Protein backbone atom coordinates (compact mmCIF):
# COMPACT_ATOMS: atom_id res chain seq x y z
CA MET A 1 188.94 37.98 20.29
CA SER A 2 190.74 35.34 22.34
CA ARG A 3 194.51 34.94 22.42
CA THR A 4 194.17 31.55 20.76
CA THR A 5 192.35 33.11 17.82
CA ILE A 6 194.94 35.87 17.52
CA GLY A 7 197.73 33.28 17.63
CA LEU A 8 196.01 31.28 14.91
CA ILE A 9 195.66 34.34 12.67
CA VAL A 10 199.30 35.35 13.21
CA GLY A 11 200.43 31.80 12.42
CA LEU A 12 198.39 31.71 9.24
CA VAL A 13 199.72 35.08 8.08
CA LEU A 14 203.31 34.01 8.77
CA GLY A 15 202.69 30.76 6.90
CA VAL A 16 201.35 32.58 3.86
CA VAL A 17 204.32 34.96 3.89
CA ALA A 18 206.76 32.05 4.15
CA VAL A 19 205.13 30.20 1.24
CA THR A 20 204.74 33.16 -1.08
CA HIS A 21 207.84 35.25 -0.36
CA GLY A 22 210.42 32.92 1.14
CA PHE A 23 212.18 32.41 4.43
CA LEU A 24 213.82 35.86 4.69
CA ALA A 25 210.44 37.58 4.35
CA PHE A 26 209.08 35.20 7.00
CA LEU A 27 211.84 36.21 9.42
CA SER A 28 211.31 39.90 8.65
CA VAL A 29 207.57 39.69 9.30
CA ALA A 30 208.13 37.71 12.51
CA PHE A 31 210.69 40.25 13.77
CA ILE A 32 208.52 43.26 12.94
CA GLY A 33 205.57 41.50 14.58
CA ALA A 34 207.61 40.97 17.76
CA VAL A 35 208.59 44.65 17.81
CA GLY A 36 204.92 45.58 17.40
CA LEU A 37 203.96 43.23 20.22
CA VAL A 38 206.47 44.83 22.58
CA ALA A 39 205.36 48.33 21.57
CA GLY A 40 201.72 47.39 22.15
CA MET A 41 202.52 45.93 25.56
CA VAL A 42 204.35 49.13 26.55
CA LEU A 43 201.46 51.31 25.37
CA GLU A 44 198.90 49.17 27.25
CA GLY A 45 200.98 49.28 30.41
CA LYS A 46 201.60 45.53 30.50
CA LEU A 47 205.37 45.95 30.12
CA ASP A 48 207.27 48.44 32.24
CA VAL A 49 210.28 49.62 30.26
CA SER A 50 211.76 51.50 33.23
CA THR A 51 212.16 48.20 35.10
CA VAL A 52 214.05 46.65 32.20
CA LEU A 53 216.28 49.71 31.80
CA ALA A 54 216.96 49.84 35.56
CA ARG A 55 218.24 46.26 35.44
CA GLU A 56 220.66 47.16 32.65
CA ARG A 57 221.95 50.19 34.55
CA SER A 58 222.49 48.21 37.73
CA ARG A 59 224.63 45.63 35.90
CA ARG A 60 227.12 48.24 34.75
């Protein structure tokens, strides 16, 4: 499945949630989806969490 198709499906789902359950539910679904995206990227190895944490430690 292409990224365009996945984006379309996610957009449609968010639209249905916004129409049927209101704006707060839309924001909740979008936030939980973003958390799931980050978790999936970490599990696939596309996002290196140690790099992000190292940046935070070096700023202190």
